[in-house]
Amino acid sequence: MVRAAYHAAEGSVLDVQGFIDLFAEDGVFNNVVAGDSYRGEHLGDLVAAMGGLAPDLHRELHRFHVLGDVVAVELTIEGTVTGPFETPAGVIRPTGARLSIPTADFWYIENGKVKEFNCYVGVSVMLAQLGVHPDFASAVAAPWPPDRLTP
């Protein structure tokens, strides 16, 4: 089942409905690092968005660990950025950058369906590959909150 979900999310396949159909009626997909959760008809939203960002998207599956009804997977999300990437500050135009994002996924299976899927993506690596770098100078220059001790 887990391999079928990865297959459905491949850029060359991109079967969003097939991905959704693997989930229980009350199943949830948690993009844990970003703090987003998807349910019902929205279970495939991130799959579709990633396919739009990098149509050649591929998940290189390194290791599977099965613990009862839990499947833990170590993988790398790979692809070429040929689509836009929406951010809170605006849209990053396609750059042609190669993505190679370390990821850990945890699948919770119940009665033959995915009950919960927790995805931990290496966001800092992904952003750096997209050309988005942290602004440490702003954080260092920011005033200390009044309820905190000053340095």
N, C-alpha and C. Protein backbone atom coordinates (compact mmCIF):
# COMPACT_ATOMS: atom_id res chain seq x y z
N MET A 1 0.82 -1.19 0.00
CA MET A 1 0.00 0.00 0.00
C MET A 1 0.86 1.26 0.00
N VAL A 2 1.89 1.28 0.84
CA VAL A 2 2.76 2.44 0.92
C VAL A 2 3.49 2.65 -0.41
N ARG A 3 3.99 1.57 -0.99
CA ARG A 3 4.65 1.68 -2.30
C ARG A 3 3.67 2.19 -3.36
N ALA A 4 2.41 1.78 -3.29
CA ALA A 4 1.40 2.26 -4.23
C ALA A 4 1.19 3.76 -4.08
N ALA A 5 1.24 4.25 -2.84
CA ALA A 5 1.07 5.69 -2.61
C ALA A 5 2.24 6.46 -3.23
N TYR A 6 3.45 5.97 -3.04
CA TYR A 6 4.61 6.64 -3.65
C TYR A 6 4.51 6.61 -5.17
N HIS A 7 4.09 5.48 -5.71
CA HIS A 7 3.95 5.36 -7.16
C HIS A 7 2.93 6.38 -7.69
N ALA A 8 1.79 6.49 -7.01
CA ALA A 8 0.74 7.43 -7.44
C ALA A 8 1.23 8.88 -7.42
N ALA A 9 2.18 9.18 -6.54
CA ALA A 9 2.68 10.56 -6.38
C ALA A 9 3.89 10.87 -7.27
N GLU A 10 4.35 9.89 -8.05
CA GLU A 10 5.48 10.13 -8.95
C GLU A 10 5.07 11.13 -10.03
N GLY A 11 6.00 11.99 -10.42
CA GLY A 11 5.71 12.98 -11.45
C GLY A 11 5.27 12.37 -12.76
N SER A 12 5.82 11.21 -13.12
CA SER A 12 5.47 10.55 -14.38
C SER A 12 4.09 9.89 -14.32
N VAL A 13 3.54 9.71 -13.13
CA VAL A 13 2.24 9.07 -12.94
C VAL A 13 1.21 10.10 -12.48
N LEU A 14 1.49 10.77 -11.41
CA LEU A 14 0.66 11.78 -10.77
C LEU A 14 -0.84 11.42 -10.77
N ASP A 15 -1.14 10.35 -10.08
CA ASP A 15 -2.51 9.86 -9.93
C ASP A 15 -3.03 10.34 -8.57
N VAL A 16 -3.47 11.59 -8.53
CA VAL A 16 -3.90 12.20 -7.27
C VAL A 16 -5.08 11.44 -6.67
N GLN A 17 -6.06 11.07 -7.49
CA GLN A 17 -7.21 10.34 -6.97
C GLN A 17 -6.79 8.96 -6.47
N GLY A 18 -5.88 8.31 -7.16
CA GLY A 18 -5.37 7.02 -6.70
C GLY A 18 -4.68 7.14 -5.36
N PHE A 19 -3.96 8.23 -5.14
CA PHE A 19 -3.31 8.50 -3.86
C PHE A 19 -4.37 8.66 -2.76
N ILE A 20 -5.38 9.48 -3.04
CA ILE A 20 -6.46 9.74 -2.08
C ILE A 20 -7.19 8.45 -1.72
N ASP A 21 -7.43 7.61 -2.72
CA ASP A 21 -8.20 6.38 -2.51
C ASP A 21 -7.53 5.39 -1.56
N LEU A 22 -6.23 5.55 -1.30
CA LEU A 22 -5.52 4.67 -0.37
C LEU A 22 -5.79 5.01 1.09
N PHE A 23 -6.42 6.15 1.34
CA PHE A 23 -6.66 6.63 2.70
C PHE A 23 -8.03 6.19 3.21
N ALA A 24 -8.10 6.00 4.52
CA ALA A 24 -9.38 5.74 5.18
C ALA A 24 -10.25 6.99 5.04
N GLU A 25 -11.54 6.81 5.24
CA GLU A 25 -12.47 7.94 5.11
C GLU A 25 -12.08 9.11 6.02
N ASP A 26 -11.57 8.81 7.20
CA ASP A 26 -11.15 9.87 8.13
C ASP A 26 -9.63 10.01 8.17
N GLY A 27 -8.95 9.55 7.10
CA GLY A 27 -7.50 9.60 7.04
C GLY A 27 -6.97 11.03 6.97
N VAL A 28 -5.72 11.19 7.37
CA VAL A 28 -5.10 12.52 7.38
C VAL A 28 -3.66 12.42 6.87
N PHE A 29 -3.25 13.44 6.12
CA PHE A 29 -1.88 13.59 5.63
C PHE A 29 -1.34 14.83 6.31
N ASN A 30 -0.32 14.65 7.16
CA ASN A 30 0.29 15.76 7.90
C ASN A 30 1.65 16.10 7.32
N ASN A 31 1.77 17.31 6.80
CA ASN A 31 3.07 17.85 6.40
C ASN A 31 3.62 18.48 7.68
N VAL A 32 4.27 17.67 8.49
CA VAL A 32 4.59 18.02 9.87
C VAL A 32 5.46 19.27 9.98
N VAL A 33 6.51 19.38 9.18
CA VAL A 33 7.44 20.49 9.29
C VAL A 33 6.74 21.82 8.96
N ALA A 34 5.87 21.81 7.96
CA ALA A 34 5.15 23.03 7.58
C ALA A 34 3.94 23.29 8.47
N GLY A 35 3.51 22.27 9.20
CA GLY A 35 2.36 22.44 10.09
C GLY A 35 1.02 22.36 9.37
N ASP A 36 0.99 21.74 8.19
CA ASP A 36 -0.24 21.63 7.41
C ASP A 36 -0.81 20.22 7.52
N SER A 37 -2.15 20.12 7.52
CA SER A 37 -2.84 18.83 7.52
C SER A 37 -3.87 18.83 6.40
N TYR A 38 -4.01 17.69 5.76
CA TYR A 38 -4.94 17.54 4.65
C TYR A 38 -5.86 16.36 4.93
N ARG A 39 -7.16 16.54 4.63
CA ARG A 39 -8.16 15.51 4.84
C ARG A 39 -9.13 15.49 3.66
N GLY A 40 -9.84 14.39 3.53
CA GLY A 40 -10.89 14.29 2.51
C GLY A 40 -10.38 14.58 1.12
N GLU A 41 -11.11 15.41 0.40
CA GLU A 41 -10.75 15.72 -0.99
C GLU A 41 -9.42 16.48 -1.10
N HIS A 42 -8.90 16.98 0.02
CA HIS A 42 -7.64 17.73 0.00
C HIS A 42 -6.41 16.86 0.27
N LEU A 43 -6.61 15.55 0.46
CA LEU A 43 -5.49 14.66 0.74
C LEU A 43 -4.43 14.70 -0.36
N GLY A 44 -4.82 14.99 -1.57
CA GLY A 44 -3.88 15.01 -2.69
C GLY A 44 -3.35 16.38 -3.05
N ASP A 45 -3.71 17.42 -2.29
CA ASP A 45 -3.30 18.79 -2.64
C ASP A 45 -1.79 18.94 -2.73
N LEU A 46 -1.07 18.43 -1.74
CA LEU A 46 0.39 18.58 -1.74
C LEU A 46 1.02 17.74 -2.84
N VAL A 47 0.46 16.57 -3.10
CA VAL A 47 0.95 15.72 -4.19
C VAL A 47 0.85 16.49 -5.51
N ALA A 48 -0.30 17.10 -5.76
CA ALA A 48 -0.50 17.88 -6.99
C ALA A 48 0.43 19.09 -7.04
N ALA A 49 0.59 19.78 -5.91
CA ALA A 49 1.46 20.97 -5.87
C ALA A 49 2.91 20.60 -6.16
N MET A 50 3.38 19.52 -5.57
CA MET A 50 4.77 19.09 -5.81
C MET A 50 4.95 18.65 -7.26
N GLY A 51 3.92 18.01 -7.84
CA GLY A 51 3.98 17.63 -9.25
C GLY A 51 4.02 18.84 -10.16
N GLY A 52 3.36 19.94 -9.75
CA GLY A 52 3.41 21.18 -10.52
C GLY A 52 4.75 21.88 -10.40
N LEU A 53 5.37 21.77 -9.23
CA LEU A 53 6.68 22.38 -9.00
C LEU A 53 7.76 21.66 -9.80
N ALA A 54 7.73 20.35 -9.78
CA ALA A 54 8.75 19.53 -10.46
C ALA A 54 8.05 18.35 -11.13
N PRO A 55 7.64 18.50 -12.39
CA PRO A 55 6.91 17.42 -13.07
C PRO A 55 7.68 16.10 -13.17
N ASP A 56 9.01 16.15 -13.05
CA ASP A 56 9.80 14.92 -13.08
C ASP A 56 10.03 14.37 -11.67
N LEU A 57 9.22 14.79 -10.72
CA LEU A 57 9.37 14.43 -9.31
C LEU A 57 9.49 12.91 -9.13
N HIS A 58 10.45 12.53 -8.32
CA HIS A 58 10.70 11.12 -8.02
C HIS A 58 11.08 10.99 -6.56
N ARG A 59 10.62 9.94 -5.93
CA ARG A 59 11.00 9.66 -4.55
C ARG A 59 11.90 8.44 -4.53
N GLU A 60 13.14 8.67 -4.19
CA GLU A 60 14.12 7.57 -4.08
C GLU A 60 13.95 6.97 -2.69
N LEU A 61 13.43 5.75 -2.65
CA LEU A 61 13.13 5.08 -1.39
C LEU A 61 14.37 4.32 -0.92
N HIS A 62 14.92 4.72 0.22
CA HIS A 62 16.17 4.13 0.71
C HIS A 62 15.93 2.96 1.66
N ARG A 63 15.09 3.15 2.67
CA ARG A 63 14.86 2.10 3.67
C ARG A 63 13.41 2.10 4.12
N PHE A 64 12.88 0.88 4.30
CA PHE A 64 11.55 0.68 4.87
C PHE A 64 11.74 -0.01 6.22
N HIS A 65 11.00 0.45 7.22
CA HIS A 65 11.00 -0.18 8.53
C HIS A 65 9.54 -0.43 8.90
N VAL A 66 9.17 -1.70 9.02
CA VAL A 66 7.79 -2.04 9.33
C VAL A 66 7.71 -2.48 10.79
N LEU A 67 6.86 -1.78 11.53
CA LEU A 67 6.66 -2.06 12.96
C LEU A 67 5.16 -2.24 13.19
N GLY A 68 4.66 -3.46 12.99
CA GLY A 68 3.23 -3.69 13.11
C GLY A 68 2.48 -2.96 12.01
N ASP A 69 1.59 -2.04 12.40
CA ASP A 69 0.80 -1.27 11.45
C ASP A 69 1.45 0.06 11.08
N VAL A 70 2.71 0.24 11.45
CA VAL A 70 3.43 1.48 11.15
C VAL A 70 4.55 1.17 10.16
N VAL A 71 4.64 1.98 9.11
CA VAL A 71 5.71 1.86 8.14
C VAL A 71 6.49 3.16 8.14
N ALA A 72 7.78 3.06 8.47
CA ALA A 72 8.67 4.23 8.46
C ALA A 72 9.55 4.12 7.22
N VAL A 73 9.68 5.22 6.50
CA VAL A 73 10.44 5.21 5.25
C VAL A 73 11.45 6.35 5.24
N GLU A 74 12.69 6.01 4.92
CA GLU A 74 13.72 7.02 4.68
C GLU A 74 13.81 7.18 3.17
N LEU A 75 13.74 8.41 2.68
CA LEU A 75 13.72 8.65 1.25
C LEU A 75 14.33 10.00 0.91
N THR A 76 14.51 10.21 -0.38
CA THR A 76 14.94 11.50 -0.91
C THR A 76 13.94 11.89 -1.99
N ILE A 77 13.42 13.11 -1.90
CA ILE A 77 12.53 13.63 -2.93
C ILE A 77 13.41 14.36 -3.94
N GLU A 78 13.31 13.95 -5.21
CA GLU A 78 14.17 14.50 -6.26
C GLU A 78 13.32 15.04 -7.40
N GLY A 79 13.84 16.05 -8.06
CA GLY A 79 13.16 16.60 -9.23
C GLY A 79 13.81 17.89 -9.68
N THR A 80 13.32 18.40 -10.81
CA THR A 80 13.82 19.65 -11.39
C THR A 80 12.73 20.70 -11.29
N VAL A 81 13.05 21.86 -10.75
CA VAL A 81 12.07 22.93 -10.55
C VAL A 81 11.79 23.61 -11.88
N THR A 82 10.66 23.23 -12.49
CA THR A 82 10.24 23.85 -13.75
C THR A 82 8.90 24.57 -13.60
N GLY A 83 8.35 24.53 -12.39
CA GLY A 83 7.09 25.21 -12.11
C GLY A 83 7.27 26.22 -11.00
N PRO A 84 6.29 27.09 -10.81
CA PRO A 84 6.38 28.11 -9.75
C PRO A 84 6.24 27.51 -8.36
N PHE A 85 6.78 28.21 -7.37
CA PHE A 85 6.68 27.80 -5.97
C PHE A 85 6.09 28.96 -5.20
N GLU A 86 4.87 28.78 -4.70
CA GLU A 86 4.19 29.85 -3.97
C GLU A 86 4.71 29.92 -2.54
N THR A 87 5.01 31.14 -2.09
CA THR A 87 5.48 31.38 -0.73
C THR A 87 4.65 32.50 -0.12
N PRO A 88 4.72 32.72 1.18
CA PRO A 88 4.00 33.83 1.79
C PRO A 88 4.44 35.20 1.24
N ALA A 89 5.65 35.29 0.72
CA ALA A 89 6.16 36.56 0.19
C ALA A 89 5.90 36.73 -1.30
N GLY A 90 5.37 35.72 -1.94
CA GLY A 90 5.13 35.77 -3.38
C GLY A 90 5.58 34.48 -4.04
N VAL A 91 5.60 34.49 -5.36
CA VAL A 91 5.90 33.29 -6.13
C VAL A 91 7.36 33.29 -6.56
N ILE A 92 8.04 32.18 -6.28
CA ILE A 92 9.40 31.99 -6.80
C ILE A 92 9.24 31.39 -8.20
N ARG A 93 9.82 32.06 -9.17
CA ARG A 93 9.72 31.59 -10.55
C ARG A 93 10.54 30.31 -10.73
N PRO A 94 10.19 29.51 -11.74
CA PRO A 94 10.95 28.29 -12.01
C PRO A 94 12.43 28.62 -12.23
N THR A 95 13.29 27.82 -11.61
CA THR A 95 14.72 28.09 -11.68
C THR A 95 15.50 27.01 -12.42
N GLY A 96 14.90 25.85 -12.63
CA GLY A 96 15.63 24.73 -13.21
C GLY A 96 16.53 24.04 -12.20
N ALA A 97 16.43 24.45 -10.93
CA ALA A 97 17.27 23.85 -9.88
C ALA A 97 16.90 22.39 -9.68
N ARG A 98 17.90 21.60 -9.32
CA ARG A 98 17.67 20.19 -8.98
C ARG A 98 17.37 20.10 -7.49
N LEU A 99 16.30 19.39 -7.16
CA LEU A 99 15.96 19.14 -5.77
C LEU A 99 16.44 17.76 -5.37
N SER A 100 16.95 17.66 -4.18
CA SER A 100 17.33 16.38 -3.58
C SER A 100 17.12 16.56 -2.08
N ILE A 101 15.89 16.31 -1.64
CA ILE A 101 15.45 16.68 -0.30
C ILE A 101 15.36 15.44 0.60
N PRO A 102 16.14 15.40 1.68
CA PRO A 102 16.03 14.27 2.61
C PRO A 102 14.68 14.33 3.32
N THR A 103 14.06 13.15 3.47
CA THR A 103 12.71 13.08 4.02
C THR A 103 12.54 11.80 4.84
N ALA A 104 11.70 11.87 5.84
CA ALA A 104 11.30 10.69 6.61
C ALA A 104 9.77 10.69 6.67
N ASP A 105 9.18 9.56 6.32
CA ASP A 105 7.73 9.43 6.31
C ASP A 105 7.30 8.32 7.27
N PHE A 106 6.15 8.54 7.92
CA PHE A 106 5.57 7.55 8.81
C PHE A 106 4.13 7.33 8.39
N TRP A 107 3.84 6.09 8.02
CA TRP A 107 2.52 5.69 7.55
C TRP A 107 1.87 4.82 8.62
N TYR A 108 0.64 5.15 9.01
CA TYR A 108 -0.11 4.39 9.99
C TYR A 108 -1.28 3.73 9.26
N ILE A 109 -1.25 2.40 9.21
CA ILE A 109 -2.23 1.64 8.44
C ILE A 109 -3.26 1.03 9.39
N GLU A 110 -4.53 1.12 8.99
CA GLU A 110 -5.61 0.55 9.79
C GLU A 110 -6.66 -0.03 8.85
N ASN A 111 -6.98 -1.30 9.03
CA ASN A 111 -7.99 -1.97 8.21
C ASN A 111 -7.71 -1.83 6.71
N GLY A 112 -6.45 -1.95 6.33
CA GLY A 112 -6.08 -1.93 4.91
C GLY A 112 -6.07 -0.57 4.26
N LYS A 113 -6.18 0.49 5.05
CA LYS A 113 -6.16 1.86 4.51
C LYS A 113 -5.18 2.71 5.32
N VAL A 114 -4.76 3.82 4.72
CA VAL A 114 -3.88 4.75 5.44
C VAL A 114 -4.74 5.58 6.38
N LYS A 115 -4.48 5.45 7.66
CA LYS A 115 -5.20 6.22 8.68
C LYS A 115 -4.52 7.58 8.88
N GLU A 116 -3.17 7.56 8.85
CA GLU A 116 -2.40 8.78 9.07
C GLU A 116 -1.08 8.66 8.33
N PHE A 117 -0.68 9.74 7.69
CA PHE A 117 0.60 9.80 6.99
C PHE A 117 1.28 11.07 7.47
N ASN A 118 2.43 10.91 8.15
CA ASN A 118 3.20 12.05 8.65
C ASN A 118 4.48 12.16 7.84
N CYS A 119 4.65 13.29 7.17
CA CYS A 119 5.79 13.52 6.29
C CYS A 119 6.69 14.59 6.90
N TYR A 120 7.96 14.25 7.10
CA TYR A 120 8.95 15.17 7.66
C TYR A 120 9.97 15.49 6.55
N VAL A 121 9.79 16.61 5.91
CA VAL A 121 10.64 17.02 4.79
C VAL A 121 11.75 17.92 5.30
N GLY A 122 12.95 17.76 4.76
CA GLY A 122 14.08 18.63 5.09
C GLY A 122 13.88 19.99 4.46
N VAL A 123 13.02 20.81 5.06
CA VAL A 123 12.63 22.10 4.48
C VAL A 123 13.82 23.03 4.28
N SER A 124 14.74 23.08 5.24
CA SER A 124 15.89 23.99 5.08
C SER A 124 16.72 23.60 3.86
N VAL A 125 16.85 22.31 3.60
CA VAL A 125 17.58 21.85 2.41
C VAL A 125 16.81 22.24 1.16
N MET A 126 15.50 22.00 1.15
CA MET A 126 14.68 22.33 0.00
C MET A 126 14.73 23.82 -0.31
N LEU A 127 14.59 24.66 0.71
CA LEU A 127 14.62 26.11 0.48
C LEU A 127 15.97 26.55 -0.07
N ALA A 128 17.05 26.01 0.46
CA ALA A 128 18.38 26.36 -0.05
C ALA A 128 18.50 25.96 -1.52
N GLN A 129 17.97 24.80 -1.88
CA GLN A 129 18.03 24.36 -3.28
C GLN A 129 17.16 25.23 -4.19
N LEU A 130 16.13 25.86 -3.61
CA LEU A 130 15.29 26.79 -4.36
C LEU A 130 15.89 28.20 -4.40
N GLY A 131 17.00 28.39 -3.68
CA GLY A 131 17.64 29.71 -3.65
C GLY A 131 17.13 30.60 -2.55
N VAL A 132 16.40 30.04 -1.58
CA VAL A 132 15.87 30.81 -0.46
C VAL A 132 16.79 30.57 0.73
N HIS A 133 17.44 31.63 1.19
CA HIS A 133 18.39 31.50 2.29
C HIS A 133 17.91 32.30 3.49
N PRO A 134 18.17 31.79 4.70
CA PRO A 134 17.71 32.50 5.90
C PRO A 134 18.37 33.87 6.03
N ASP A 135 17.62 34.78 6.60
CA ASP A 135 18.12 36.14 6.83
C ASP A 135 18.53 36.25 8.30
N PHE A 136 19.73 35.76 8.61
CA PHE A 136 20.21 35.77 9.99
C PHE A 136 20.41 37.19 10.50
N ALA A 137 20.80 38.13 9.61
CA ALA A 137 21.07 39.50 10.04
C ALA A 137 19.82 40.14 10.65
N SER A 138 18.65 39.90 10.05
CA SER A 138 17.41 40.46 10.60
C SER A 138 17.10 39.89 11.97
N ALA A 139 17.32 38.59 12.12
CA ALA A 139 17.04 37.96 13.41
C ALA A 139 17.99 38.45 14.49
N VAL A 140 19.26 38.66 14.14
CA VAL A 140 20.24 39.14 15.11
C VAL A 140 19.93 40.58 15.51
N ALA A 141 19.48 41.39 14.55
CA ALA A 141 19.22 42.80 14.81
C ALA A 141 17.87 43.06 15.48
N ALA A 142 17.00 42.07 15.50
CA ALA A 142 15.66 42.25 16.07
C ALA A 142 15.76 42.55 17.57
N PRO A 143 14.89 43.43 18.05
CA PRO A 143 14.91 43.73 19.49
C PRO A 143 14.45 42.53 20.31
N TRP A 144 14.98 42.43 21.51
CA TRP A 144 14.58 41.35 22.41
C TRP A 144 13.18 41.64 22.93
N PRO A 145 12.35 40.62 23.05
CA PRO A 145 11.02 40.85 23.63
C PRO A 145 11.17 41.33 25.07
N PRO A 146 10.29 42.23 25.52
CA PRO A 146 10.42 42.79 26.87
C PRO A 146 10.32 41.76 27.99
N ASP A 147 9.69 40.62 27.72
CA ASP A 147 9.55 39.61 28.78
C ASP A 147 10.73 38.65 28.83
N ARG A 148 11.76 38.92 28.07
CA ARG A 148 12.95 38.05 28.04
C ARG A 148 14.15 38.80 28.62
N LEU A 149 15.07 38.07 29.12
CA LEU A 149 16.29 38.70 29.60
C LEU A 149 17.09 39.21 28.40
N THR A 150 17.72 40.33 28.57
CA THR A 150 18.56 40.86 27.49
C THR A 150 19.94 40.22 27.61
N PRO A 151 20.67 40.18 26.50
CA PRO A 151 21.98 39.53 26.53
C PRO A 151 22.98 40.27 27.40
